Amino acid sequence: MAKKKKKVVLNAKIVMNDVEMDRALKRIAHQIIEANKGIENVVIVGIIHRGLPLAKRLADIIEQQEGKKIPVGAIDVSLYRDDLTRKGKYIEVRKSEMPFTVTDKTVVLVDDVIFAGRTARAALDGLKDYGRANKVQLAALIDRGHRELPIQPNFIGKAIPSAKNEEVSVEILEVDGIDRVSIK
């Protein structure tokens, strides 16, 4: 397997390194277990692209803590976006993989960053195609505020106050070759 090049982020301030990201994911995993009094009937669904590797990491951490595997699915929200008519030809549709029904399950949606809340809303719309969940919870590694919709995560790794015009970049080892969060 070819080694991925590290992305150079110019004029950016690193706000979370790999060690801090690992701690945040362990904390989120523990909070998921606590909030649900275990993992019975809990499934994790990663929002494609960077939410999926985070979802898999959370599932691994939970399995280490609980001694049980937790099902992981992937959802692509591209076709559920409310800006599809504006961005249509620039949207890359990926394959959702949901090897289970969400009916009567507690679904933990996982994404890298929550900002306006529109991606989470699209994921909620897409999730309906896989059944009727008993409960849906949202986990985000980074909460940067500035909601446009009344959607709040249940679990966050770190809140990063930012200006609307700033860019928060989450890099994930499995996608980018490095774990870090920067803001510029």
C-alpha atoms as a PDB file:
ATOM      1  CA  MET A   1       0.000   0.000   0.000  1.00  0.00           C
ATOM      2  CA  ALA A   2       1.428   3.370  -1.006  1.00  0.00           C
ATOM      3  CA  LYS A   3       2.177   5.811   1.763  1.00  0.00           C
ATOM      4  CA  LYS A   4      -0.039   8.894   1.629  1.00  0.00           C
ATOM      5  CA  LYS A   5       1.593  12.295   1.477  1.00  0.00           C
ATOM      6  CA  LYS A   6       1.036  14.639   4.370  1.00  0.00           C
ATOM      7  CA  LYS A   7      -1.073  17.621   3.419  1.00  0.00           C
ATOM      8  CA  VAL A   8       0.681  20.898   4.131  1.00  0.00           C
ATOM      9  CA  VAL A   9      -1.571  23.427   5.823  1.00  0.00           C
ATOM     10  CA  LEU A  10      -0.099  26.901   5.385  1.00  0.00           C
ATOM     11  CA  ASN A  11      -0.822  29.702   7.861  1.00  0.00           C
ATOM     12  CA  ALA A  12      -2.865  27.336   9.980  1.00  0.00           C
ATOM     13  CA  LYS A  13      -2.955  26.904  13.710  1.00  0.00           C
ATOM     14  CA  ILE A  14      -2.977  23.284  14.891  1.00  0.00           C
ATOM     15  CA  VAL A  15      -5.777  22.973  17.467  1.00  0.00           C
ATOM     16  CA  MET A  16      -5.721  19.192  17.916  1.00  0.00           C
ATOM     17  CA  ASN A  17      -2.885  16.756  17.339  1.00  0.00           C
ATOM     18  CA  ASP A  18      -2.977  12.968  17.050  1.00  0.00           C
ATOM     19  CA  VAL A  19      -2.714  12.352  20.809  1.00  0.00           C
ATOM     20  CA  GLU A  20      -5.500  14.838  21.573  1.00  0.00           C
ATOM     21  CA  MET A  21      -7.663  13.323  18.829  1.00  0.00           C
ATOM     22  CA  ASP A  22      -7.197   9.852  20.297  1.00  0.00           C
ATOM     23  CA  ARG A  23      -8.166  11.125  23.760  1.00  0.00           C
ATOM     24  CA  ALA A  24     -11.236  12.862  22.360  1.00  0.00           C
ATOM     25  CA  LEU A  25     -12.380   9.692  20.568  1.00  0.00           C
ATOM     26  CA  LYS A  26     -11.913   7.623  23.742  1.00  0.00           C
ATOM     27  CA  ARG A  27     -13.959  10.183  25.677  1.00  0.00           C
ATOM     28  CA  ILE A  28     -16.737  10.146  23.041  1.00  0.00           C
ATOM     29  CA  ALA A  29     -16.793   6.324  23.064  1.00  0.00           C
ATOM     30  CA  HIS A  30     -17.105   6.302  26.841  1.00  0.00           C
ATOM     31  CA  GLN A  31     -19.919   8.891  26.691  1.00  0.00           C
ATOM     32  CA  ILE A  32     -21.784   6.785  24.110  1.00  0.00           C
ATOM     33  CA  ILE A  33     -21.581   3.758  26.402  1.00  0.00           C
ATOM     34  CA  GLU A  34     -22.675   5.785  29.448  1.00  0.00           C
ATOM     35  CA  ALA A  35     -25.541   7.595  27.682  1.00  0.00           C
ATOM     36  CA  ASN A  36     -26.949   4.318  26.366  1.00  0.00           C
ATOM     37  CA  LYS A  37     -26.266   2.243  29.500  1.00  0.00           C
ATOM     38  CA  GLY A  38     -24.142  -0.105  27.423  1.00  0.00           C
ATOM     39  CA  ILE A  39     -24.258  -0.889  23.717  1.00  0.00           C
ATOM     40  CA  GLU A  40     -27.299  -3.147  23.449  1.00  0.00           C
ATOM     41  CA  ASN A  41     -29.168  -2.199  20.232  1.00  0.00           C
ATOM     42  CA  VAL A  42     -26.624   0.542  19.416  1.00  0.00           C
ATOM     43  CA  VAL A  43     -25.207   0.876  15.901  1.00  0.00           C
ATOM     44  CA  ILE A  44     -22.731   3.424  14.601  1.00  0.00           C
ATOM     45  CA  VAL A  45     -23.114   5.106  11.211  1.00  0.00           C
ATOM     46  CA  GLY A  46     -20.281   7.173   9.793  1.00  0.00           C
ATOM     47  CA  ILE A  47     -21.093  10.022   7.452  1.00  0.00           C
ATOM     48  CA  ILE A  48     -18.940   9.556   4.384  1.00  0.00           C
ATOM     49  CA  HIS A  49     -16.104  10.825   3.999  1.00  0.00           C
ATOM     50  CA  ARG A  50     -14.184  11.518   7.216  1.00  0.00           C
ATOM     51  CA  GLY A  51     -16.984  10.471   9.559  1.00  0.00           C
ATOM     52  CA  LEU A  52     -16.603   6.841   8.489  1.00  0.00           C
ATOM     53  CA  PRO A  53     -13.033   6.239   9.709  1.00  0.00           C
ATOM     54  CA  LEU A  54     -13.932   8.042  12.946  1.00  0.00           C
ATOM     55  CA  ALA A  55     -16.976   5.767  13.323  1.00  0.00           C
ATOM     56  CA  LYS A  56     -14.778   2.696  12.855  1.00  0.00           C
ATOM     57  CA  ARG A  57     -12.319   3.958  15.462  1.00  0.00           C
ATOM     58  CA  LEU A  58     -15.150   4.600  17.930  1.00  0.00           C
ATOM     59  CA  ALA A  59     -16.462   1.075  17.326  1.00  0.00           C
ATOM     60  CA  ASP A  60     -12.990  -0.358  18.001  1.00  0.00           C
ATOM     61  CA  ILE A  61     -12.649   1.619  21.235  1.00  0.00           C
ATOM     62  CA  ILE A  62     -16.132   0.557  22.363  1.00  0.00           C
ATOM     63  CA  GLU A  63     -15.343  -3.082  21.548  1.00  0.00           C
ATOM     64  CA  GLN A  64     -12.167  -2.858  23.664  1.00  0.00           C
ATOM     65  CA  GLN A  65     -14.142  -1.384  26.569  1.00  0.00           C
ATOM     66  CA  GLU A  66     -17.272  -3.550  26.333  1.00  0.00           C
ATOM     67  CA  GLY A  67     -15.906  -6.775  24.872  1.00  0.00           C
ATOM     68  CA  LYS A  68     -18.593  -6.795  22.154  1.00  0.00           C
ATOM     69  CA  LYS A  69     -18.514  -5.794  18.515  1.00  0.00           C
ATOM     70  CA  ILE A  70     -20.732  -2.887  17.551  1.00  0.00           C
ATOM     71  CA  PRO A  71     -22.131  -2.765  13.993  1.00  0.00           C
ATOM     72  CA  VAL A  72     -20.799   0.048  11.786  1.00  0.00           C
ATOM     73  CA  GLY A  73     -22.436   1.420   8.670  1.00  0.00           C
ATOM     74  CA  ALA A  74     -21.644   4.210   6.235  1.00  0.00           C
ATOM     75  CA  ILE A  75     -24.019   6.769   4.798  1.00  0.00           C
ATOM     76  CA  ASP A  76     -23.439   9.075   1.865  1.00  0.00           C
ATOM     77  CA  VAL A  77     -25.534  12.224   2.222  1.00  0.00           C
ATOM     78  CA  SER A  78     -24.814  13.668  -1.231  1.00  0.00           C
ATOM     79  CA  LEU A  79     -28.287  13.150  -2.663  1.00  0.00           C
ATOM     80  CA  TYR A  80     -30.015  14.348   0.519  1.00  0.00           C
ATOM     81  CA  ARG A  81     -28.306  17.747   0.603  1.00  0.00           C
ATOM     82  CA  ASP A  82     -30.472  20.848   0.442  1.00  0.00           C
ATOM     83  CA  ASP A  83     -27.934  22.583  -1.817  1.00  0.00           C
ATOM     84  CA  LEU A  84     -27.975  19.856  -4.472  1.00  0.00           C
ATOM     85  CA  THR A  85     -29.320  22.200  -7.151  1.00  0.00           C
ATOM     86  CA  ARG A  86     -26.456  24.645  -6.509  1.00  0.00           C
ATOM     87  CA  LYS A  87     -23.640  22.111  -6.166  1.00  0.00           C
ATOM     88  CA  GLY A  88     -25.096  19.234  -8.187  1.00  0.00           C
ATOM     89  CA  LYS A  89     -22.376  18.721 -10.760  1.00  0.00           C
ATOM     90  CA  TYR A  90     -19.639  19.077  -8.100  1.00  0.00           C
ATOM     91  CA  ILE A  91     -21.042  16.477  -5.725  1.00  0.00           C
ATOM     92  CA  GLU A  92     -19.381  13.073  -5.789  1.00  0.00           C
ATOM     93  CA  VAL A  93     -21.862  10.349  -4.905  1.00  0.00           C
ATOM     94  CA  ARG A  94     -20.364   7.482  -2.916  1.00  0.00           C
ATOM     95  CA  LYS A  95     -21.881   4.158  -1.932  1.00  0.00           C
ATOM     96  CA  SER A  96     -23.641   3.919   1.411  1.00  0.00           C
ATOM     97  CA  GLU A  97     -23.087   0.618   3.204  1.00  0.00           C
ATOM     98  CA  MET A  98     -25.615  -0.303   5.834  1.00  0.00           C
ATOM     99  CA  PRO A  99     -25.255  -4.033   6.573  1.00  0.00           C
ATOM    100  CA  PHE A 100     -28.116  -3.843   9.077  1.00  0.00           C
ATOM    101  CA  THR A 101     -31.514  -2.279   9.550  1.00  0.00           C
ATOM    102  CA  VAL A 102     -31.730   0.710  11.863  1.00  0.00           C
ATOM    103  CA  THR A 103     -35.274  -0.184  12.898  1.00  0.00           C
ATOM    104  CA  ASP A 104     -35.628  -0.137  16.685  1.00  0.00           C
ATOM    105  CA  LYS A 105     -31.909   0.654  17.105  1.00  0.00           C
ATOM    106  CA  THR A 106     -30.122   3.566  18.696  1.00  0.00           C
ATOM    107  CA  VAL A 107     -28.102   5.035  15.846  1.00  0.00           C
ATOM    108  CA  VAL A 108     -25.019   7.106  16.579  1.00  0.00           C
ATOM    109  CA  LEU A 109     -24.274   9.252  13.517  1.00  0.00           C
ATOM    110  CA  VAL A 110     -20.612  10.250  13.360  1.00  0.00           C
ATOM    111  CA  ASP A 111     -19.061  13.167  11.481  1.00  0.00           C
ATOM    112  CA  ASP A 112     -15.764  15.006  11.684  1.00  0.00           C
ATOM    113  CA  VAL A 113     -17.101  18.575  12.009  1.00  0.00           C
ATOM    114  CA  ILE A 114     -20.502  20.034  12.776  1.00  0.00           C
ATOM    115  CA  PHE A 115     -20.987  23.544  11.470  1.00  0.00           C
ATOM    116  CA  ALA A 116     -24.336  24.688  10.062  1.00  0.00           C
ATOM    117  CA  GLY A 117     -26.062  21.371  10.810  1.00  0.00           C
ATOM    118  CA  ARG A 118     -26.988  20.739   7.179  1.00  0.00           C
ATOM    119  CA  THR A 119     -24.901  17.575   6.756  1.00  0.00           C
ATOM    120  CA  ALA A 120     -26.462  16.094   9.899  1.00  0.00           C
ATOM    121  CA  ARG A 121     -29.935  16.983   8.580  1.00  0.00           C
ATOM    122  CA  ALA A 122     -29.121  15.275   5.279  1.00  0.00           C
ATOM    123  CA  ALA A 123     -27.904  12.202   7.177  1.00  0.00           C
ATOM    124  CA  LEU A 124     -31.168  12.079   9.135  1.00  0.00           C
ATOM    125  CA  ASP A 125     -33.088  12.171   5.846  1.00  0.00           C
ATOM    126  CA  GLY A 126     -30.930   9.396   4.391  1.00  0.00           C
ATOM    127  CA  LEU A 127     -31.175   7.259   7.495  1.00  0.00           C
ATOM    128  CA  LYS A 128     -34.945   6.902   6.941  1.00  0.00           C
ATOM    129  CA  ASP A 129     -34.195   4.720   3.904  1.00  0.00           C
ATOM    130  CA  TYR A 130     -32.749   2.066   6.242  1.00  0.00           C
ATOM    131  CA  GLY A 131     -35.621   1.811   8.702  1.00  0.00           C
ATOM    132  CA  ARG A 132     -37.106   3.683  11.642  1.00  0.00           C
ATOM    133  CA  ALA A 133     -34.538   4.175  14.373  1.00  0.00           C
ATOM    134  CA  ASN A 134     -35.654   4.139  17.985  1.00  0.00           C
ATOM    135  CA  LYS A 135     -33.258   7.013  18.716  1.00  0.00           C
ATOM    136  CA  VAL A 136     -30.615   8.941  16.786  1.00  0.00           C
ATOM    137  CA  GLN A 137     -27.630  10.539  18.473  1.00  0.00           C
ATOM    138  CA  LEU A 138     -24.958  12.686  16.846  1.00  0.00           C
ATOM    139  CA  ALA A 139     -21.233  12.541  17.563  1.00  0.00           C
ATOM    140  CA  ALA A 140     -18.813  15.062  16.061  1.00  0.00           C
ATOM    141  CA  LEU A 141     -15.090  15.296  16.616  1.00  0.00           C
ATOM    142  CA  ILE A 142     -15.238  19.094  16.241  1.00  0.00           C
ATOM    143  CA  ASP A 143     -18.089  21.504  16.962  1.00  0.00           C
ATOM    144  CA  ARG A 144     -17.325  24.866  15.416  1.00  0.00           C
ATOM    145  CA  GLY A 145     -20.708  26.474  16.067  1.00  0.00           C
ATOM    146  CA  HIS A 146     -22.633  28.739  13.649  1.00  0.00           C
ATOM    147  CA  ARG A 147     -25.726  26.504  13.336  1.00  0.00           C
ATOM    148  CA  GLU A 148     -28.265  27.326  10.675  1.00  0.00           C
ATOM    149  CA  LEU A 149     -30.548  24.496  11.781  1.00  0.00           C
ATOM    150  CA  PRO A 150     -31.652  23.489  15.289  1.00  0.00           C
ATOM    151  CA  ILE A 151     -29.320  20.478  15.429  1.00  0.00           C
ATOM    152  CA  GLN A 152     -26.875  19.876  18.283  1.00  0.00           C
ATOM    153  CA  PRO A 153     -24.465  16.974  18.741  1.00  0.00           C
ATOM    154  CA  ASN A 154     -24.907  14.679  21.728  1.00  0.00           C
ATOM    155  CA  PHE A 155     -21.180  13.986  21.880  1.00  0.00           C
ATOM    156  CA  ILE A 156     -18.263  16.210  20.829  1.00  0.00           C
ATOM    157  CA  GLY A 157     -14.525  15.846  20.986  1.00  0.00           C
ATOM    158  CA  LYS A 158     -13.747  19.538  21.093  1.00  0.00           C
ATOM    159  CA  ALA A 159     -15.605  22.812  20.624  1.00  0.00           C
ATOM    160  CA  ILE A 160     -13.587  25.249  18.552  1.00  0.00           C
ATOM    161  CA  PRO A 161     -14.897  28.802  18.480  1.00  0.00           C
ATOM    162  CA  SER A 162     -14.346  30.072  14.956  1.00  0.00           C
ATOM    163  CA  ALA A 163     -15.373  32.867  12.674  1.00  0.00           C
ATOM    164  CA  LYS A 164     -17.670  31.907   9.809  1.00  0.00           C
ATOM    165  CA  ASN A 165     -14.966  32.782   7.286  1.00  0.00           C
ATOM    166  CA  GLU A 166     -12.320  30.623   8.967  1.00  0.00           C
ATOM    167  CA  GLU A 167     -11.634  27.134   7.696  1.00  0.00           C
ATOM    168  CA  VAL A 168     -11.508  24.243  10.140  1.00  0.00           C
ATOM    169  CA  SER A 169      -9.635  21.350   8.579  1.00  0.00           C
ATOM    170  CA  VAL A 170      -9.872  17.858  10.049  1.00  0.00           C
ATOM    171  CA  GLU A 171      -7.293  15.452   8.734  1.00  0.00           C
ATOM    172  CA  ILE A 172      -7.695  11.737   9.402  1.00  0.00           C
ATOM    173  CA  LEU A 173      -4.887   9.200   9.152  1.00  0.00           C
ATOM    174  CA  GLU A 174      -6.933   6.798   7.002  1.00  0.00           C
ATOM    175  CA  VAL A 175      -7.762   9.528   4.464  1.00  0.00           C
ATOM    176  CA  ASP A 176      -5.023  12.150   4.750  1.00  0.00           C
ATOM    177  CA  GLY A 177      -2.069  10.276   6.228  1.00  0.00           C
ATOM    178  CA  ILE A 178      -2.087  12.299   9.469  1.00  0.00           C
ATOM    179  CA  ASP A 179      -4.364  12.967  12.444  1.00  0.00           C
ATOM    180  CA  ARG A 180      -4.765  16.662  13.231  1.00  0.00           C
ATOM    181  CA  VAL A 181      -7.202  19.534  13.258  1.00  0.00           C
ATOM    182  CA  SER A 182      -6.191  22.999  12.153  1.00  0.00           C
ATOM    183  CA  ILE A 183      -7.885  26.346  11.700  1.00  0.00           C
ATOM    184  CA  LYS A 184      -6.986  29.147   9.323  1.00  0.00           C
END
